[in-house]
Amino acid sequence: MRKRIIEERAGGAMEITEININVRGEDKLKAFVNITFDDVFVVRGLKVIQGKSGLFVCMPSRKMVDGAYKDIAHPISNDFRQRMEKLILNEYQRCMEEEATA
């Protein structure tokens, strides 16, 4: 019974209700990001990174004993990951344009 209830709740789309960008002046690390879902759940510590082929978003992670990094929060579906990354990068670009005109 419990599994069925969890599946029904998971079927509803989560809305991204706030994206908070903290711009950094580093070569690769461009910003820290906090993102809020449905005005009730926040994930802190995402990063906007400058890679060889452009900007991308890294999920919050923890360094493991073996030196590898493991995400501690991340989207399950590729569709949601792409949607979230697009919104974050659009907000980052907006912040950069705002800084340039200030």
PDB file of N, CA and C in Angstrom:
ATOM      1  N   MET A   1       0.826  -1.203   0.000  1.00  0.00           N
ATOM      2  CA  MET A   1       0.000   0.000   0.000  1.00  0.00           C
ATOM      3  C   MET A   1       0.866   1.262   0.000  1.00  0.00           C
ATOM      4  N   ARG A   2       1.891   1.291   0.823  1.00  0.00           N
ATOM      5  CA  ARG A   2       2.728   2.477   0.903  1.00  0.00           C
ATOM      6  C   ARG A   2       3.391   2.794  -0.432  1.00  0.00           C
ATOM      7  N   LYS A   3       3.877   1.783  -1.152  1.00  0.00           N
ATOM      8  CA  LYS A   3       4.539   2.008  -2.427  1.00  0.00           C
ATOM      9  C   LYS A   3       3.600   2.689  -3.417  1.00  0.00           C
ATOM     10  N   ARG A   4       2.358   2.266  -3.457  1.00  0.00           N
ATOM     11  CA  ARG A   4       1.394   2.866  -4.378  1.00  0.00           C
ATOM     12  C   ARG A   4       1.212   4.349  -4.074  1.00  0.00           C
ATOM     13  N   ILE A   5       1.133   4.726  -2.819  1.00  0.00           N
ATOM     14  CA  ILE A   5       0.970   6.127  -2.433  1.00  0.00           C
ATOM     15  C   ILE A   5       2.189   6.939  -2.855  1.00  0.00           C
ATOM     16  N   ILE A   6       3.372   6.420  -2.661  1.00  0.00           N
ATOM     17  CA  ILE A   6       4.596   7.110  -3.055  1.00  0.00           C
ATOM     18  C   ILE A   6       4.614   7.319  -4.564  1.00  0.00           C
ATOM     19  N   GLU A   7       4.235   6.316  -5.332  1.00  0.00           N
ATOM     20  CA  GLU A   7       4.220   6.452  -6.792  1.00  0.00           C
ATOM     21  C   GLU A   7       3.230   7.512  -7.241  1.00  0.00           C
ATOM     22  N   GLU A   8       2.065   7.588  -6.589  1.00  0.00           N
ATOM     23  CA  GLU A   8       1.084   8.604  -6.967  1.00  0.00           C
ATOM     24  C   GLU A   8       1.621  10.002  -6.703  1.00  0.00           C
ATOM     25  N   ARG A   9       2.263  10.213  -5.577  1.00  0.00           N
ATOM     26  CA  ARG A   9       2.835  11.523  -5.269  1.00  0.00           C
ATOM     27  C   ARG A   9       3.972  11.862  -6.219  1.00  0.00           C
ATOM     28  N   ALA A  10       4.780  10.883  -6.559  1.00  0.00           N
ATOM     29  CA  ALA A  10       5.921  11.128  -7.431  1.00  0.00           C
ATOM     30  C   ALA A  10       5.481  11.467  -8.850  1.00  0.00           C
ATOM     31  N   GLY A  11       4.282  11.089  -9.238  1.00  0.00           N
ATOM     32  CA  GLY A  11       3.802  11.340 -10.581  1.00  0.00           C
ATOM     33  C   GLY A  11       3.516  12.802 -10.854  1.00  0.00           C
ATOM     34  N   GLY A  12       3.258  13.589  -9.807  1.00  0.00           N
ATOM     35  CA  GLY A  12       2.984  15.004  -9.984  1.00  0.00           C
ATOM     36  C   GLY A  12       4.263  15.762 -10.289  1.00  0.00           C
ATOM     37  N   ALA A  13       4.159  16.795 -11.124  1.00  0.00           N
ATOM     38  CA  ALA A  13       5.337  17.569 -11.499  1.00  0.00           C
ATOM     39  C   ALA A  13       5.715  18.539 -10.389  1.00  0.00           C
ATOM     40  N   MET A  14       6.993  18.566 -10.034  1.00  0.00           N
ATOM     41  CA  MET A  14       7.498  19.545  -9.077  1.00  0.00           C
ATOM     42  C   MET A  14       7.765  20.835  -9.836  1.00  0.00           C
ATOM     43  N   GLU A  15       7.435  21.932  -9.207  1.00  0.00           N
ATOM     44  CA  GLU A  15       7.699  23.225  -9.813  1.00  0.00           C
ATOM     45  C   GLU A  15       8.904  23.865  -9.146  1.00  0.00           C
ATOM     46  N   ILE A  16       9.760  24.457  -9.942  1.00  0.00           N
ATOM     47  CA  ILE A  16      10.886  25.226  -9.430  1.00  0.00           C
ATOM     48  C   ILE A  16      10.342  26.614  -9.150  1.00  0.00           C
ATOM     49  N   THR A  17      10.344  27.002  -7.875  1.00  0.00           N
ATOM     50  CA  THR A  17       9.716  28.267  -7.497  1.00  0.00           C
ATOM     51  C   THR A  17      10.707  29.380  -7.197  1.00  0.00           C
ATOM     52  N   GLU A  18      11.987  29.044  -7.018  1.00  0.00           N
ATOM     53  CA  GLU A  18      12.989  30.083  -6.791  1.00  0.00           C
ATOM     54  C   GLU A  18      14.369  29.555  -7.155  1.00  0.00           C
ATOM     55  N   ILE A  19      15.149  30.412  -7.785  1.00  0.00           N
ATOM     56  CA  ILE A  19      16.545  30.111  -8.084  1.00  0.00           C
ATOM     57  C   ILE A  19      17.359  31.283  -7.569  1.00  0.00           C
ATOM     58  N   ASN A  20      18.282  31.007  -6.644  1.00  0.00           N
ATOM     59  CA  ASN A  20      19.122  32.042  -6.056  1.00  0.00           C
ATOM     60  C   ASN A  20      20.547  31.831  -6.551  1.00  0.00           C
ATOM     61  N   ILE A  21      21.093  32.834  -7.232  1.00  0.00           N
ATOM     62  CA  ILE A  21      22.426  32.757  -7.829  1.00  0.00           C
ATOM     63  C   ILE A  21      23.391  33.632  -7.027  1.00  0.00           C
ATOM     64  N   ASN A  22      24.535  33.053  -6.638  1.00  0.00           N
ATOM     65  CA  ASN A  22      25.599  33.799  -5.974  1.00  0.00           C
ATOM     66  C   ASN A  22      26.815  33.754  -6.904  1.00  0.00           C
ATOM     67  N   VAL A  23      26.996  34.817  -7.692  1.00  0.00           N
ATOM     68  CA  VAL A  23      28.038  34.869  -8.720  1.00  0.00           C
ATOM     69  C   VAL A  23      29.421  34.894  -8.067  1.00  0.00           C
ATOM     70  N   ARG A  24      30.350  34.133  -8.642  1.00  0.00           N
ATOM     71  CA  ARG A  24      31.738  34.072  -8.192  1.00  0.00           C
ATOM     72  C   ARG A  24      32.631  34.596  -9.309  1.00  0.00           C
ATOM     73  N   GLY A  25      33.797  35.041  -8.988  1.00  0.00           N
ATOM     74  CA  GLY A  25      34.704  35.593  -9.996  1.00  0.00           C
ATOM     75  C   GLY A  25      35.846  34.662 -10.357  1.00  0.00           C
ATOM     76  N   GLU A  26      35.630  33.377 -10.308  1.00  0.00           N
ATOM     77  CA  GLU A  26      36.703  32.416 -10.557  1.00  0.00           C
ATOM     78  C   GLU A  26      36.700  31.941 -12.012  1.00  0.00           C
ATOM     79  N   ASP A  27      37.818  31.340 -12.441  1.00  0.00           N
ATOM     80  CA  ASP A  27      37.941  30.886 -13.823  1.00  0.00           C
ATOM     81  C   ASP A  27      36.893  29.832 -14.188  1.00  0.00           C
ATOM     82  N   LYS A  28      36.802  28.773 -13.388  1.00  0.00           N
ATOM     83  CA  LYS A  28      35.870  27.685 -13.708  1.00  0.00           C
ATOM     84  C   LYS A  28      34.563  27.785 -12.936  1.00  0.00           C
ATOM     85  N   LEU A  29      34.640  28.086 -11.642  1.00  0.00           N
ATOM     86  CA  LEU A  29      33.433  28.206 -10.827  1.00  0.00           C
ATOM     87  C   LEU A  29      32.819  29.578 -11.056  1.00  0.00           C
ATOM     88  N   LYS A  30      31.666  29.603 -11.706  1.00  0.00           N
ATOM     89  CA  LYS A  30      31.026  30.864 -12.056  1.00  0.00           C
ATOM     90  C   LYS A  30      29.973  31.298 -11.046  1.00  0.00           C
ATOM     91  N   ALA A  31      29.335  30.324 -10.357  1.00  0.00           N
ATOM     92  CA  ALA A  31      28.303  30.695  -9.380  1.00  0.00           C
ATOM     93  C   ALA A  31      27.936  29.504  -8.505  1.00  0.00           C
ATOM     94  N   PHE A  32      27.494  29.823  -7.290  1.00  0.00           N
ATOM     95  CA  PHE A  32      26.810  28.846  -6.443  1.00  0.00           C
ATOM     96  C   PHE A  32      25.324  29.089  -6.618  1.00  0.00           C
ATOM     97  N   VAL A  33      24.533  28.027  -6.524  1.00  0.00           N
ATOM     98  CA  VAL A  33      23.094  28.118  -6.772  1.00  0.00           C
ATOM     99  C   VAL A  33      22.335  27.395  -5.670  1.00  0.00           C
ATOM    100  N   ASN A  34      21.247  28.036  -5.207  1.00  0.00           N
ATOM    101  CA  ASN A  34      20.265  27.382  -4.345  1.00  0.00           C
ATOM    102  C   ASN A  34      18.958  27.370  -5.124  1.00  0.00           C
ATOM    103  N   ILE A  35      18.266  26.242  -5.097  1.00  0.00           N
ATOM    104  CA  ILE A  35      17.029  26.106  -5.877  1.00  0.00           C
ATOM    105  C   ILE A  35      15.920  25.596  -4.964  1.00  0.00           C
ATOM    106  N   THR A  36      14.744  26.220  -5.082  1.00  0.00           N
ATOM    107  CA  THR A  36      13.601  25.870  -4.236  1.00  0.00           C
ATOM    108  C   THR A  36      12.520  25.223  -5.094  1.00  0.00           C
ATOM    109  N   PHE A  37      11.932  24.161  -4.556  1.00  0.00           N
ATOM    110  CA  PHE A  37      10.855  23.427  -5.224  1.00  0.00           C
ATOM    111  C   PHE A  37       9.556  23.611  -4.455  1.00  0.00           C
ATOM    112  N   ASP A  38       8.492  23.939  -5.186  1.00  0.00           N
ATOM    113  CA  ASP A  38       7.140  24.056  -4.618  1.00  0.00           C
ATOM    114  C   ASP A  38       7.092  24.943  -3.380  1.00  0.00           C
ATOM    115  N   ASP A  39       7.980  25.911  -3.260  1.00  0.00           N
ATOM    116  CA  ASP A  39       8.049  26.820  -2.104  1.00  0.00           C
ATOM    117  C   ASP A  39       8.209  26.103  -0.771  1.00  0.00           C
ATOM    118  N   VAL A  40       8.640  24.824  -0.779  1.00  0.00           N
ATOM    119  CA  VAL A  40       8.736  24.081   0.479  1.00  0.00           C
ATOM    120  C   VAL A  40      10.023  23.271   0.632  1.00  0.00           C
ATOM    121  N   PHE A  41      10.838  23.141  -0.416  1.00  0.00           N
ATOM    122  CA  PHE A  41      12.034  22.309  -0.326  1.00  0.00           C
ATOM    123  C   PHE A  41      13.171  22.981  -1.077  1.00  0.00           C
ATOM    124  N   VAL A  42      14.310  23.153  -0.413  1.00  0.00           N
ATOM    125  CA  VAL A  42      15.452  23.828  -1.034  1.00  0.00           C
ATOM    126  C   VAL A  42      16.632  22.867  -1.134  1.00  0.00           C
ATOM    127  N   VAL A  43      17.363  22.979  -2.238  1.00  0.00           N
ATOM    128  CA  VAL A  43      18.620  22.260  -2.421  1.00  0.00           C
ATOM    129  C   VAL A  43      19.687  23.334  -2.590  1.00  0.00           C
ATOM    130  N   ARG A  44      20.682  23.289  -1.728  1.00  0.00           N
ATOM    131  CA  ARG A  44      21.772  24.266  -1.742  1.00  0.00           C
ATOM    132  C   ARG A  44      23.044  23.618  -2.275  1.00  0.00           C
ATOM    133  N   GLY A  45      23.910  24.449  -2.831  1.00  0.00           N
ATOM    134  CA  GLY A  45      25.236  23.976  -3.203  1.00  0.00           C
ATOM    135  C   GLY A  45      25.394  23.491  -4.624  1.00  0.00           C
ATOM    136  N   LEU A  46      24.438  23.797  -5.510  1.00  0.00           N
ATOM    137  CA  LEU A  46      24.659  23.520  -6.923  1.00  0.00           C
ATOM    138  C   LEU A  46      25.705  24.518  -7.413  1.00  0.00           C
ATOM    139  N   LYS A  47      26.376  24.212  -8.509  1.00  0.00           N
ATOM    140  CA  LYS A  47      27.412  25.097  -9.037  1.00  0.00           C
ATOM    141  C   LYS A  47      27.234  25.284 -10.534  1.00  0.00           C
ATOM    142  N   VAL A  48      27.479  26.495 -10.992  1.00  0.00           N
ATOM    143  CA  VAL A  48      27.588  26.769 -12.427  1.00  0.00           C
ATOM    144  C   VAL A  48      29.078  26.745 -12.737  1.00  0.00           C
ATOM    145  N   ILE A  49      29.467  25.853 -13.651  1.00  0.00           N
ATOM    146  CA  ILE A  49      30.866  25.628 -13.992  1.00  0.00           C
ATOM    147  C   ILE A  49      31.102  25.953 -15.467  1.00  0.00           C
ATOM    148  N   GLN A  50      32.247  26.580 -15.749  1.00  0.00           N
ATOM    149  CA  GLN A  50      32.662  26.815 -17.129  1.00  0.00           C
ATOM    150  C   GLN A  50      33.490  25.622 -17.577  1.00  0.00           C
ATOM    151  N   GLY A  51      32.955  24.854 -18.517  1.00  0.00           N
ATOM    152  CA  GLY A  51      33.670  23.708 -19.062  1.00  0.00           C
ATOM    153  C   GLY A  51      34.254  24.034 -20.420  1.00  0.00           C
ATOM    154  N   LYS A  52      34.874  23.064 -21.027  1.00  0.00           N
ATOM    155  CA  LYS A  52      35.486  23.259 -22.345  1.00  0.00           C
ATOM    156  C   LYS A  52      34.461  23.579 -23.422  1.00  0.00           C
ATOM    157  N   SER A  53      33.239  23.032 -23.275  1.00  0.00           N
ATOM    158  CA  SER A  53      32.213  23.271 -24.292  1.00  0.00           C
ATOM    159  C   SER A  53      31.101  24.193 -23.798  1.00  0.00           C
ATOM    160  N   GLY A  54      31.347  24.941 -22.738  1.00  0.00           N
ATOM    161  CA  GLY A  54      30.359  25.897 -22.259  1.00  0.00           C
ATOM    162  C   GLY A  54      29.999  25.691 -20.800  1.00  0.00           C
ATOM    163  N   LEU A  55      28.969  26.411 -20.375  1.00  0.00           N
ATOM    164  CA  LEU A  55      28.519  26.338 -18.988  1.00  0.00           C
ATOM    165  C   LEU A  55      27.707  25.082 -18.739  1.00  0.00           C
ATOM    166  N   PHE A  56      27.826  24.542 -17.524  1.00  0.00           N
ATOM    167  CA  PHE A  56      26.971  23.438 -17.107  1.00  0.00           C
ATOM    168  C   PHE A  56      26.745  23.529 -15.605  1.00  0.00           C
ATOM    169  N   VAL A  57      25.786  22.770 -15.111  1.00  0.00           N
ATOM    170  CA  VAL A  57      25.409  22.793 -13.698  1.00  0.00           C
ATOM    171  C   VAL A  57      25.853  21.492 -13.038  1.00  0.00           C
ATOM    172  N   CYS A  58      26.526  21.624 -11.898  1.00  0.00           N
ATOM    173  CA  CYS A  58      26.921  20.467 -11.078  1.00  0.00           C
ATOM    174  C   CYS A  58      26.002  20.393  -9.870  1.00  0.00           C
ATOM    175  N   MET A  59      25.616  19.194  -9.540  1.00  0.00           N
ATOM    176  CA  MET A  59      24.788  18.968  -8.362  1.00  0.00           C
ATOM    177  C   MET A  59      25.658  19.036  -7.102  1.00  0.00           C
ATOM    178  N   PRO A  60      25.047  19.278  -5.942  1.00  0.00           N
ATOM    179  CA  PRO A  60      25.834  19.257  -4.701  1.00  0.00           C
ATOM    180  C   PRO A  60      26.426  17.873  -4.496  1.00  0.00           C
ATOM    181  N   SER A  61      27.671  17.821  -4.030  1.00  0.00           N
ATOM    182  CA  SER A  61      28.336  16.528  -3.887  1.00  0.00           C
ATOM    183  C   SER A  61      29.180  16.496  -2.626  1.00  0.00           C
ATOM    184  N   ARG A  62      29.597  15.301  -2.277  1.00  0.00           N
ATOM    185  CA  ARG A  62      30.441  15.071  -1.106  1.00  0.00           C
ATOM    186  C   ARG A  62      31.644  14.250  -1.545  1.00  0.00           C
ATOM    187  N   LYS A  63      32.809  14.607  -1.015  1.00  0.00           N
ATOM    188  CA  LYS A  63      34.024  13.860  -1.327  1.00  0.00           C
ATOM    189  C   LYS A  63      34.033  12.573  -0.507  1.00  0.00           C
ATOM    190  N   MET A  64      34.241  11.456  -1.192  1.00  0.00           N
ATOM    191  CA  MET A  64      34.261  10.152  -0.537  1.00  0.00           C
ATOM    192  C   MET A  64      35.677   9.832  -0.053  1.00  0.00           C
ATOM    193  N   VAL A  65      35.793   8.794   0.742  1.00  0.00           N
ATOM    194  CA  VAL A  65      37.081   8.376   1.304  1.00  0.00           C
ATOM    195  C   VAL A  65      38.108   8.092   0.206  1.00  0.00           C
ATOM    196  N   ASP A  66      37.647   7.539  -0.915  1.00  0.00           N
ATOM    197  CA  ASP A  66      38.569   7.198  -2.007  1.00  0.00           C
ATOM    198  C   ASP A  66      38.937   8.401  -2.887  1.00  0.00           C
ATOM    199  N   GLY A  67      38.429   9.595  -2.540  1.00  0.00           N
ATOM    200  CA  GLY A  67      38.745  10.804  -3.289  1.00  0.00           C
ATOM    201  C   GLY A  67      37.752  11.156  -4.376  1.00  0.00           C
ATOM    202  N   ALA A  68      36.851  10.227  -4.692  1.00  0.00           N
ATOM    203  CA  ALA A  68      35.823  10.487  -5.704  1.00  0.00           C
ATOM    204  C   ALA A  68      34.723  11.361  -5.097  1.00  0.00           C
ATOM    205  N   TYR A  69      34.005  12.051  -5.951  1.00  0.00           N
ATOM    206  CA  TYR A  69      32.874  12.865  -5.510  1.00  0.00           C
ATOM    207  C   TYR A  69      31.576  12.159  -5.864  1.00  0.00           C
ATOM    208  N   LYS A  70      30.598  12.228  -4.970  1.00  0.00           N
ATOM    209  CA  LYS A  70      29.307  11.577  -5.182  1.00  0.00           C
ATOM    210  C   LYS A  70      28.209  12.611  -4.953  1.00  0.00           C
ATOM    211  N   ASP A  71      27.283  12.733  -5.926  1.00  0.00           N
ATOM    212  CA  ASP A  71      26.157  13.658  -5.769  1.00  0.00           C
ATOM    213  C   ASP A  71      25.347  13.275  -4.543  1.00  0.00           C
ATOM    214  N   ILE A  72      24.935  14.288  -3.773  1.00  0.00           N
ATOM    215  CA  ILE A  72      24.076  14.020  -2.620  1.00  0.00           C
ATOM    216  C   ILE A  72      22.621  14.378  -2.909  1.00  0.00           C
ATOM    217  N   ALA A  73      22.387  15.087  -3.992  1.00  0.00           N
ATOM    218  CA  ALA A  73      21.038  15.379  -4.471  1.00  0.00           C
ATOM    219  C   ALA A  73      21.135  15.541  -5.985  1.00  0.00           C
ATOM    220  N   HIS A  74      20.189  14.929  -6.708  1.00  0.00           N
ATOM    221  CA  HIS A  74      20.230  15.046  -8.168  1.00  0.00           C
ATOM    222  C   HIS A  74      18.886  14.626  -8.752  1.00  0.00           C
ATOM    223  N   PRO A  75      18.562  15.136  -9.957  1.00  0.00           N
ATOM    224  CA  PRO A  75      17.334  14.725 -10.632  1.00  0.00           C
ATOM    225  C   PRO A  75      17.415  13.254 -11.041  1.00  0.00           C
ATOM    226  N   ILE A  76      16.285  12.588 -11.025  1.00  0.00           N
ATOM    227  CA  ILE A  76      16.220  11.191 -11.444  1.00  0.00           C
ATOM    228  C   ILE A  76      16.088  11.094 -12.960  1.00  0.00           C
ATOM    229  N   SER A  77      15.257  11.961 -13.537  1.00  0.00           N
ATOM    230  CA  SER A  77      15.033  11.875 -14.987  1.00  0.00           C
ATOM    231  C   SER A  77      15.882  12.891 -15.735  1.00  0.00           C
ATOM    232  N   ASN A  78      16.302  12.520 -16.931  1.00  0.00           N
ATOM    233  CA  ASN A  78      17.089  13.398 -17.776  1.00  0.00           C
ATOM    234  C   ASN A  78      16.272  14.621 -18.200  1.00  0.00           C
ATOM    235  N   ASP A  79      14.970  14.438 -18.429  1.00  0.00           N
ATOM    236  CA  ASP A  79      14.109  15.565 -18.813  1.00  0.00           C
ATOM    237  C   ASP A  79      14.095  16.645 -17.735  1.00  0.00           C
ATOM    238  N   PHE A  80      13.929  16.222 -16.473  1.00  0.00           N
ATOM    239  CA  PHE A  80      13.892  17.196 -15.385  1.00  0.00           C
ATOM    240  C   PHE A  80      15.265  17.844 -15.206  1.00  0.00           C
ATOM    241  N   ARG A  81      16.332  17.075 -15.350  1.00  0.00           N
ATOM    242  CA  ARG A  81      17.687  17.629 -15.243  1.00  0.00           C
ATOM    243  C   ARG A  81      17.893  18.719 -16.297  1.00  0.00           C
ATOM    244  N   GLN A  82      17.486  18.453 -17.531  1.00  0.00           N
ATOM    245  CA  GLN A  82      17.650  19.436 -18.603  1.00  0.00           C
ATOM    246  C   GLN A  82      16.816  20.683 -18.336  1.00  0.00           C
ATOM    247  N   ARG A  83      15.584  20.493 -17.872  1.00  0.00           N
ATOM    248  CA  ARG A  83      14.710  21.632 -17.571  1.00  0.00           C
ATOM    249  C   ARG A  83      15.309  22.485 -16.458  1.00  0.00           C
ATOM    250  N   MET A  84      15.792  21.818 -15.406  1.00  0.00           N
ATOM    251  CA  MET A  84      16.382  22.525 -14.278  1.00  0.00           C
ATOM    252  C   MET A  84      17.649  23.265 -14.708  1.00  0.00           C
ATOM    253  N   GLU A  85      18.520  22.609 -15.469  1.00  0.00           N
ATOM    254  CA  GLU A  85      19.754  23.243 -15.921  1.00  0.00           C
ATOM    255  C   GLU A  85      19.462  24.454 -16.809  1.00  0.00           C
ATOM    256  N   LYS A  86      18.485  24.338 -17.679  1.00  0.00           N
ATOM    257  CA  LYS A  86      18.124  25.461 -18.553  1.00  0.00           C
ATOM    258  C   LYS A  86      17.662  26.660 -17.731  1.00  0.00           C
ATOM    259  N   LEU A  87      16.805  26.433 -16.743  1.00  0.00           N
ATOM    260  CA  LEU A  87      16.325  27.528 -15.902  1.00  0.00           C
ATOM    261  C   LEU A  87      17.460  28.164 -15.113  1.00  0.00           C
ATOM    262  N   ILE A  88      18.352  27.349 -14.566  1.00  0.00           N
ATOM    263  CA  ILE A  88      19.481  27.871 -13.790  1.00  0.00           C
ATOM    264  C   ILE A  88      20.402  28.688 -14.678  1.00  0.00           C
ATOM    265  N   LEU A  89      20.750  28.171 -15.847  1.00  0.00           N
ATOM    266  CA  LEU A  89      21.669  28.895 -16.727  1.00  0.00           C
ATOM    267  C   LEU A  89      21.033  30.178 -17.262  1.00  0.00           C
ATOM    268  N   ASN A  90      19.724  30.153 -17.520  1.00  0.00           N
ATOM    269  CA  ASN A  90      19.036  31.383 -17.935  1.00  0.00           C
ATOM    270  C   ASN A  90      19.087  32.433 -16.826  1.00  0.00           C
ATOM    271  N   GLU A  91      18.878  32.011 -15.590  1.00  0.00           N
ATOM    272  CA  GLU A  91      18.934  32.941 -14.456  1.00  0.00           C
ATOM    273  C   GLU A  91      20.359  33.455 -14.255  1.00  0.00           C
ATOM    274  N   TYR A  92      21.340  32.590 -14.426  1.00  0.00           N
ATOM    275  CA  TYR A  92      22.740  33.018 -14.326  1.00  0.00           C
ATOM    276  C   TYR A  92      23.041  34.084 -15.389  1.00  0.00           C
ATOM    277  N   GLN A  93      22.624  33.847 -16.628  1.00  0.00           N
ATOM    278  CA  GLN A  93      22.852  34.819 -17.701  1.00  0.00           C
ATOM    279  C   GLN A  93      22.167  36.152 -17.393  1.00  0.00           C
ATOM    280  N   ARG A  94      20.952  36.076 -16.843  1.00  0.00           N
ATOM    281  CA  ARG A  94      20.224  37.299 -16.470  1.00  0.00           C
ATOM    282  C   ARG A  94      21.007  38.079 -15.417  1.00  0.00           C
ATOM    283  N   CYS A  95      21.541  37.376 -14.426  1.00  0.00           N
ATOM    284  CA  CYS A  95      22.342  38.019 -13.374  1.00  0.00           C
ATOM    285  C   CYS A  95      23.587  38.671 -13.960  1.00  0.00           C
ATOM    286  N   MET A  96      24.234  37.995 -14.895  1.00  0.00           N
ATOM    287  CA  MET A  96      25.441  38.537 -15.511  1.00  0.00           C
ATOM    288  C   MET A  96      25.131  39.790 -16.331  1.00  0.00           C
ATOM    289  N   GLU A  97      24.015  39.763 -17.049  1.00  0.00           N
ATOM    290  CA  GLU A  97      23.612  40.939 -17.826  1.00  0.00           C
ATOM    291  C   GLU A  97      23.271  42.100 -16.903  1.00  0.00           C
ATOM    292  N   GLU A  98      22.614  41.795 -15.788  1.00  0.00           N
ATOM    293  CA  GLU A  98      22.264  42.811 -14.810  1.00  0.00           C
ATOM    294  C   GLU A  98      23.521  43.454 -14.204  1.00  0.00           C
ATOM    295  N   GLU A  99      24.532  42.619 -13.894  1.00  0.00           N
ATOM    296  CA  GLU A  99      25.797  43.142 -13.363  1.00  0.00           C
ATOM    297  C   GLU A  99      26.506  44.024 -14.377  1.00  0.00           C
ATOM    298  N   ALA A 100      26.438  43.634 -15.652  1.00  0.00           N
ATOM    299  CA  ALA A 100      27.126  44.378 -16.708  1.00  0.00           C
ATOM    300  C   ALA A 100      26.534  45.763 -16.910  1.00  0.00           C
ATOM    301  N   THR A 101      25.237  45.906 -16.664  1.00  0.00           N
ATOM    302  CA  THR A 101      24.591  47.197 -16.868  1.00  0.00           C
ATOM    303  C   THR A 101      24.567  48.047 -15.615  1.00  0.00           C
ATOM    304  N   ALA A 102      24.993  47.489 -14.492  1.00  0.00           N
ATOM    305  CA  ALA A 102      24.965  48.250 -13.221  1.00  0.00           C
ATOM    306  C   ALA A 102      26.163  49.137 -13.080  1.00  0.00           C
TER     307      ALA A 102
END
